[in-house]
């Protein structure tokens, strides 16, 4: 979970309002573009690095782009999806397997931001 979800939510409202006509979110092609947009919205995404396909978490192997950075001292993951079906499959996986796995470690919730064809989640 992010320590400052309110700041992230406000920032993401600003990001999603930047989309073109007929889109509720910007069309980011890379996590680096999303990282830059976060920084422009005054939410610094520090130390962004792309995650190679061979090192991606289960369910993200075929995403267009995945990377990580630190926001407010917490590690977050930025994923760019090729279509909503791919992103929805990831969300389903997180809700079933991820939450069940987390409960074993005392983690009661998994927060992420859904920006259309991009997501931001805790790693």
N, C-alpha and C. Protein backbone atom coordinates (compact mmCIF):
# COMPACT_ATOMS: atom_id res chain seq x y z
N UNK A 1 0.83 -1.18 0.00
CA UNK A 1 0.00 0.00 0.00
C UNK A 1 0.87 1.24 0.00
N UNK A 2 0.42 2.25 -0.65
CA UNK A 2 1.14 3.52 -0.64
C UNK A 2 0.85 4.26 0.65
N UNK A 3 1.83 4.91 1.18
CA UNK A 3 1.65 5.67 2.42
C UNK A 3 0.76 6.87 2.20
N UNK A 4 0.80 7.42 1.01
CA UNK A 4 0.04 8.64 0.74
C UNK A 4 -0.91 8.41 -0.44
N UNK A 5 -1.93 7.55 -0.26
CA UNK A 5 -2.82 7.24 -1.38
C UNK A 5 -3.60 8.45 -1.86
N UNK A 6 -3.86 9.41 -0.97
CA UNK A 6 -4.61 10.59 -1.38
C UNK A 6 -3.83 11.40 -2.39
N UNK A 7 -2.54 11.58 -2.16
CA UNK A 7 -1.69 12.33 -3.10
C UNK A 7 -1.66 11.60 -4.43
N UNK A 8 -1.50 10.28 -4.40
CA UNK A 8 -1.47 9.51 -5.63
C UNK A 8 -2.80 9.62 -6.37
N UNK A 9 -3.91 9.53 -5.66
CA UNK A 9 -5.23 9.61 -6.29
C UNK A 9 -5.43 10.97 -6.95
N UNK A 10 -5.06 12.03 -6.26
CA UNK A 10 -5.21 13.37 -6.82
C UNK A 10 -4.35 13.52 -8.06
N UNK A 11 -3.12 13.05 -7.99
CA UNK A 11 -2.21 13.12 -9.13
C UNK A 11 -2.76 12.33 -10.30
N UNK A 12 -3.28 11.15 -10.04
CA UNK A 12 -3.78 10.32 -11.13
C UNK A 12 -5.05 10.87 -11.74
N UNK A 13 -5.83 11.59 -10.95
CA UNK A 13 -6.98 12.29 -11.53
C UNK A 13 -6.47 13.30 -12.56
N UNK A 14 -5.38 13.99 -12.21
CA UNK A 14 -4.78 14.94 -13.15
C UNK A 14 -4.25 14.21 -14.37
N UNK A 15 -3.62 13.06 -14.18
CA UNK A 15 -3.08 12.31 -15.32
C UNK A 15 -4.18 11.81 -16.24
N UNK A 16 -5.26 11.29 -15.67
CA UNK A 16 -6.30 10.72 -16.51
C UNK A 16 -7.08 11.81 -17.24
N UNK A 17 -7.03 13.03 -16.73
CA UNK A 17 -7.72 14.10 -17.43
C UNK A 17 -6.95 14.59 -18.65
N UNK A 18 -5.75 14.07 -18.86
CA UNK A 18 -4.92 14.49 -19.99
C UNK A 18 -5.19 13.68 -21.26
N UNK A 19 -6.07 12.72 -21.21
CA UNK A 19 -6.30 11.84 -22.35
C UNK A 19 -6.88 12.57 -23.54
N UNK A 20 -6.71 11.98 -24.71
CA UNK A 20 -7.26 12.56 -25.93
C UNK A 20 -8.74 12.29 -26.03
N UNK A 21 -9.35 12.70 -27.12
CA UNK A 21 -10.78 12.52 -27.29
C UNK A 21 -11.13 11.04 -27.32
N UNK A 22 -12.20 10.70 -26.62
CA UNK A 22 -12.66 9.32 -26.60
C UNK A 22 -11.85 8.42 -25.69
N UNK A 23 -10.93 8.99 -24.93
CA UNK A 23 -10.09 8.19 -24.04
C UNK A 23 -10.15 8.77 -22.64
N UNK A 24 -10.23 7.90 -21.63
CA UNK A 24 -10.25 8.38 -20.26
C UNK A 24 -8.85 8.40 -19.66
N UNK A 25 -7.84 7.97 -20.39
CA UNK A 25 -6.48 8.00 -19.87
C UNK A 25 -5.49 8.24 -21.00
N UNK A 26 -4.33 8.77 -20.64
CA UNK A 26 -3.31 8.99 -21.66
C UNK A 26 -2.88 7.67 -22.29
N UNK A 27 -2.45 7.72 -23.51
CA UNK A 27 -1.99 6.51 -24.21
C UNK A 27 -0.48 6.40 -24.05
N UNK A 28 -0.03 5.95 -22.89
CA UNK A 28 1.40 5.77 -22.66
C UNK A 28 1.86 4.52 -23.39
N UNK A 29 3.00 4.63 -24.05
CA UNK A 29 3.56 3.48 -24.75
C UNK A 29 4.61 2.77 -23.91
N UNK A 30 5.18 3.48 -22.93
CA UNK A 30 6.21 2.90 -22.07
C UNK A 30 6.00 3.35 -20.63
N UNK A 31 6.56 2.58 -19.73
CA UNK A 31 6.55 2.96 -18.33
C UNK A 31 7.34 4.24 -18.10
N UNK A 32 8.36 4.45 -18.92
CA UNK A 32 9.15 5.67 -18.81
C UNK A 32 8.29 6.90 -19.09
N UNK A 33 7.39 6.81 -20.07
CA UNK A 33 6.47 7.92 -20.35
C UNK A 33 5.54 8.16 -19.17
N UNK A 34 5.03 7.08 -18.57
CA UNK A 34 4.17 7.21 -17.39
C UNK A 34 4.95 7.80 -16.22
N UNK A 35 6.19 7.36 -16.04
CA UNK A 35 7.05 7.90 -14.99
C UNK A 35 7.24 9.41 -15.17
N UNK A 36 7.48 9.83 -16.40
CA UNK A 36 7.65 11.27 -16.68
C UNK A 36 6.38 12.04 -16.40
N UNK A 37 5.22 11.46 -16.75
CA UNK A 37 3.94 12.12 -16.49
C UNK A 37 3.70 12.27 -14.99
N UNK A 38 4.06 11.26 -14.21
CA UNK A 38 3.94 11.35 -12.76
C UNK A 38 4.80 12.49 -12.24
N UNK A 39 6.02 12.59 -12.73
CA UNK A 39 6.93 13.65 -12.29
C UNK A 39 6.40 15.02 -12.69
N UNK A 40 5.85 15.12 -13.89
CA UNK A 40 5.26 16.38 -14.34
C UNK A 40 4.10 16.78 -13.44
N UNK A 41 3.37 15.79 -12.93
CA UNK A 41 2.24 16.05 -12.03
C UNK A 41 2.71 16.20 -10.58
N UNK A 42 4.01 16.38 -10.38
CA UNK A 42 4.64 16.62 -9.09
C UNK A 42 4.56 15.43 -8.14
N UNK A 43 4.57 14.24 -8.69
CA UNK A 43 4.68 13.02 -7.90
C UNK A 43 5.89 12.27 -8.46
N UNK A 44 7.06 12.57 -7.89
CA UNK A 44 8.32 12.06 -8.42
C UNK A 44 8.39 10.54 -8.41
N UNK A 45 8.68 9.99 -9.56
CA UNK A 45 8.90 8.55 -9.74
C UNK A 45 10.42 8.40 -9.86
N UNK A 46 11.08 8.17 -8.73
CA UNK A 46 12.53 8.22 -8.64
C UNK A 46 13.16 6.89 -9.02
N UNK A 47 14.19 6.96 -9.86
CA UNK A 47 14.98 5.78 -10.22
C UNK A 47 14.25 4.79 -11.09
N UNK A 48 13.43 5.26 -12.01
CA UNK A 48 12.68 4.34 -12.88
C UNK A 48 13.63 3.41 -13.64
N UNK A 49 13.33 2.12 -13.59
CA UNK A 49 14.07 1.14 -14.38
C UNK A 49 13.09 0.17 -15.02
N UNK A 50 13.33 -0.15 -16.26
CA UNK A 50 12.49 -1.11 -16.98
C UNK A 50 12.79 -2.52 -16.47
N UNK A 51 11.75 -3.33 -16.37
CA UNK A 51 11.91 -4.73 -15.95
C UNK A 51 11.96 -5.60 -17.20
N UNK A 52 13.06 -6.34 -17.41
CA UNK A 52 13.15 -7.22 -18.59
C UNK A 52 12.05 -8.28 -18.54
N UNK A 53 11.60 -8.72 -19.71
CA UNK A 53 10.53 -9.73 -19.77
C UNK A 53 10.86 -10.96 -18.93
N UNK A 54 12.11 -11.36 -18.90
CA UNK A 54 12.50 -12.55 -18.15
C UNK A 54 12.39 -12.38 -16.64
N UNK A 55 12.31 -11.13 -16.16
CA UNK A 55 12.23 -10.87 -14.72
C UNK A 55 10.86 -10.39 -14.25
N UNK A 56 9.89 -10.35 -15.14
CA UNK A 56 8.57 -9.85 -14.77
C UNK A 56 7.80 -10.85 -13.92
N UNK A 57 6.91 -10.32 -13.10
CA UNK A 57 6.07 -11.17 -12.26
C UNK A 57 5.09 -11.96 -13.12
N UNK A 58 4.62 -13.07 -12.57
CA UNK A 58 3.64 -13.90 -13.25
C UNK A 58 2.42 -13.05 -13.61
N UNK A 59 1.97 -13.16 -14.86
CA UNK A 59 0.83 -12.40 -15.33
C UNK A 59 1.21 -11.15 -16.10
N UNK A 60 2.48 -10.75 -16.02
CA UNK A 60 2.92 -9.54 -16.70
C UNK A 60 3.89 -9.81 -17.85
N UNK A 61 4.14 -11.07 -18.12
CA UNK A 61 5.15 -11.42 -19.12
C UNK A 61 4.89 -10.79 -20.48
N UNK A 62 3.64 -10.69 -20.88
CA UNK A 62 3.34 -10.18 -22.22
C UNK A 62 2.87 -8.73 -22.24
N UNK A 63 2.96 -8.03 -21.09
CA UNK A 63 2.61 -6.61 -21.07
C UNK A 63 3.55 -5.86 -22.02
N UNK A 64 3.09 -4.76 -22.55
CA UNK A 64 3.93 -3.97 -23.45
C UNK A 64 5.20 -3.50 -22.75
N UNK A 65 5.06 -3.05 -21.51
CA UNK A 65 6.21 -2.53 -20.78
C UNK A 65 5.92 -2.61 -19.29
N UNK A 66 6.92 -2.94 -18.51
CA UNK A 66 6.82 -2.99 -17.05
C UNK A 66 8.10 -2.40 -16.49
N UNK A 67 7.96 -1.61 -15.45
CA UNK A 67 9.12 -1.03 -14.80
C UNK A 67 8.79 -0.67 -13.37
N UNK A 68 9.79 -0.21 -12.64
CA UNK A 68 9.60 0.13 -11.24
C UNK A 68 10.34 1.42 -10.90
N UNK A 69 9.81 2.10 -9.88
CA UNK A 69 10.45 3.30 -9.36
C UNK A 69 10.02 3.45 -7.91
N UNK A 70 10.50 4.49 -7.27
CA UNK A 70 10.08 4.79 -5.91
C UNK A 70 9.28 6.08 -5.92
N UNK A 71 8.13 6.03 -5.25
CA UNK A 71 7.30 7.21 -5.05
C UNK A 71 7.16 7.37 -3.54
N UNK A 72 7.59 8.50 -3.05
CA UNK A 72 7.54 8.77 -1.61
C UNK A 72 8.22 7.68 -0.79
N UNK A 73 9.32 7.14 -1.31
CA UNK A 73 10.10 6.15 -0.59
C UNK A 73 9.57 4.73 -0.68
N UNK A 74 8.51 4.50 -1.44
CA UNK A 74 7.97 3.15 -1.60
C UNK A 74 8.11 2.69 -3.03
N UNK A 75 8.47 1.43 -3.19
CA UNK A 75 8.64 0.85 -4.51
C UNK A 75 7.27 0.59 -5.14
N UNK A 76 7.09 1.06 -6.37
CA UNK A 76 5.87 0.81 -7.12
C UNK A 76 6.21 0.27 -8.49
N UNK A 77 5.26 -0.40 -9.08
CA UNK A 77 5.45 -0.99 -10.41
C UNK A 77 4.50 -0.31 -11.39
N UNK A 78 5.04 0.05 -12.54
CA UNK A 78 4.26 0.67 -13.61
C UNK A 78 4.15 -0.35 -14.74
N UNK A 79 2.93 -0.64 -15.17
CA UNK A 79 2.74 -1.60 -16.27
C UNK A 79 1.90 -0.95 -17.36
N UNK A 80 2.31 -1.17 -18.59
CA UNK A 80 1.58 -0.70 -19.77
C UNK A 80 1.05 -1.95 -20.47
N UNK A 81 -0.26 -2.00 -20.68
CA UNK A 81 -0.92 -3.18 -21.26
C UNK A 81 -1.27 -2.94 -22.71
N UNK A 82 -1.26 -4.01 -23.51
CA UNK A 82 -1.58 -3.86 -24.94
C UNK A 82 -3.08 -3.72 -25.18
N UNK A 83 -3.91 -4.28 -24.28
CA UNK A 83 -5.36 -4.13 -24.42
C UNK A 83 -6.02 -4.38 -23.06
N UNK A 84 -7.31 -4.05 -22.97
CA UNK A 84 -8.00 -4.18 -21.69
C UNK A 84 -8.17 -5.64 -21.27
N UNK A 85 -8.25 -6.57 -22.22
CA UNK A 85 -8.35 -7.98 -21.88
C UNK A 85 -7.11 -8.46 -21.14
N UNK A 86 -5.96 -8.04 -21.61
CA UNK A 86 -4.70 -8.41 -20.97
C UNK A 86 -4.65 -7.84 -19.55
N UNK A 87 -5.02 -6.58 -19.40
CA UNK A 87 -5.02 -5.95 -18.08
C UNK A 87 -6.04 -6.62 -17.17
N UNK A 88 -7.21 -6.93 -17.68
CA UNK A 88 -8.24 -7.59 -16.88
C UNK A 88 -7.80 -8.97 -16.41
N UNK A 89 -7.06 -9.69 -17.25
CA UNK A 89 -6.50 -10.98 -16.83
C UNK A 89 -5.55 -10.81 -15.66
N UNK A 90 -4.71 -9.78 -15.72
CA UNK A 90 -3.78 -9.50 -14.63
C UNK A 90 -4.56 -9.16 -13.36
N UNK A 91 -5.59 -8.31 -13.48
CA UNK A 91 -6.39 -7.95 -12.31
C UNK A 91 -7.05 -9.18 -11.69
N UNK A 92 -7.56 -10.08 -12.52
CA UNK A 92 -8.16 -11.31 -12.01
C UNK A 92 -7.15 -12.17 -11.27
N UNK A 93 -5.97 -12.26 -11.82
CA UNK A 93 -4.90 -13.03 -11.19
C UNK A 93 -4.53 -12.43 -9.83
N UNK A 94 -4.42 -11.10 -9.78
CA UNK A 94 -4.08 -10.42 -8.53
C UNK A 94 -5.17 -10.66 -7.49
N UNK A 95 -6.42 -10.58 -7.92
CA UNK A 95 -7.53 -10.73 -6.97
C UNK A 95 -7.64 -12.14 -6.43
N UNK A 96 -7.26 -13.13 -7.18
CA UNK A 96 -7.39 -14.51 -6.71
C UNK A 96 -6.09 -14.99 -6.07
N UNK A 97 -5.10 -15.22 -6.87
CA UNK A 97 -3.84 -15.78 -6.37
C UNK A 97 -3.08 -14.80 -5.48
N UNK A 98 -2.97 -13.56 -5.92
CA UNK A 98 -2.19 -12.57 -5.17
C UNK A 98 -2.75 -12.31 -3.79
N UNK A 99 -4.06 -12.14 -3.68
CA UNK A 99 -4.66 -11.86 -2.38
C UNK A 99 -4.57 -13.08 -1.47
N UNK A 100 -4.76 -14.27 -2.02
CA UNK A 100 -4.65 -15.49 -1.21
C UNK A 100 -3.22 -15.64 -0.68
N UNK A 101 -2.24 -15.37 -1.54
CA UNK A 101 -0.84 -15.44 -1.14
C UNK A 101 -0.53 -14.39 -0.07
N UNK A 102 -1.04 -13.17 -0.27
CA UNK A 102 -0.81 -12.09 0.68
C UNK A 102 -1.36 -12.38 2.06
N UNK A 103 -2.53 -13.01 2.12
CA UNK A 103 -3.14 -13.33 3.42
C UNK A 103 -2.23 -14.24 4.24
N UNK A 104 -1.49 -15.10 3.58
CA UNK A 104 -0.57 -15.99 4.29
C UNK A 104 0.52 -15.20 5.01
N UNK A 105 0.78 -13.97 4.55
CA UNK A 105 1.80 -13.11 5.15
C UNK A 105 1.19 -11.95 5.93
N UNK A 106 -0.12 -12.03 6.18
CA UNK A 106 -0.79 -10.99 6.96
C UNK A 106 -1.10 -9.73 6.19
N UNK A 107 -1.07 -9.79 4.87
CA UNK A 107 -1.40 -8.64 4.04
C UNK A 107 -2.88 -8.72 3.71
N UNK A 108 -3.64 -7.70 4.12
CA UNK A 108 -5.10 -7.75 3.99
C UNK A 108 -5.62 -7.13 2.70
N UNK A 109 -4.79 -6.35 2.02
CA UNK A 109 -5.29 -5.70 0.81
C UNK A 109 -4.16 -5.50 -0.20
N UNK A 110 -4.57 -5.29 -1.44
CA UNK A 110 -3.63 -4.99 -2.52
C UNK A 110 -4.20 -3.79 -3.26
N UNK A 111 -3.52 -2.69 -3.19
CA UNK A 111 -4.00 -1.47 -3.84
C UNK A 111 -3.27 -1.25 -5.15
N UNK A 112 -4.01 -0.82 -6.15
CA UNK A 112 -3.41 -0.45 -7.42
C UNK A 112 -4.26 0.63 -8.06
N UNK A 113 -3.67 1.32 -9.01
CA UNK A 113 -4.39 2.35 -9.75
C UNK A 113 -4.56 1.85 -11.17
N UNK A 114 -5.80 1.89 -11.64
CA UNK A 114 -6.15 1.43 -12.99
C UNK A 114 -6.36 2.67 -13.84
N UNK A 115 -5.45 2.89 -14.79
CA UNK A 115 -5.54 4.07 -15.63
C UNK A 115 -5.94 3.77 -17.06
N UNK A 116 -6.73 2.74 -17.27
CA UNK A 116 -7.10 2.37 -18.63
C UNK A 116 -6.19 1.27 -19.09
N UNK A 117 -5.19 1.60 -19.89
CA UNK A 117 -4.23 0.58 -20.35
C UNK A 117 -2.91 0.66 -19.60
N UNK A 118 -2.93 1.24 -18.41
CA UNK A 118 -1.76 1.24 -17.54
C UNK A 118 -2.20 1.03 -16.11
N UNK A 119 -1.31 0.46 -15.31
CA UNK A 119 -1.57 0.27 -13.89
C UNK A 119 -0.34 0.66 -13.09
N UNK A 120 -0.59 1.09 -11.86
CA UNK A 120 0.47 1.36 -10.90
C UNK A 120 0.13 0.52 -9.68
N UNK A 121 1.08 -0.30 -9.25
CA UNK A 121 0.83 -1.15 -8.10
C UNK A 121 2.09 -1.23 -7.24
N UNK A 122 1.90 -1.66 -6.02
CA UNK A 122 3.05 -1.93 -5.15
C UNK A 122 3.70 -3.21 -5.60
N UNK A 123 5.01 -3.28 -5.52
CA UNK A 123 5.70 -4.48 -5.99
C UNK A 123 5.69 -5.55 -4.93
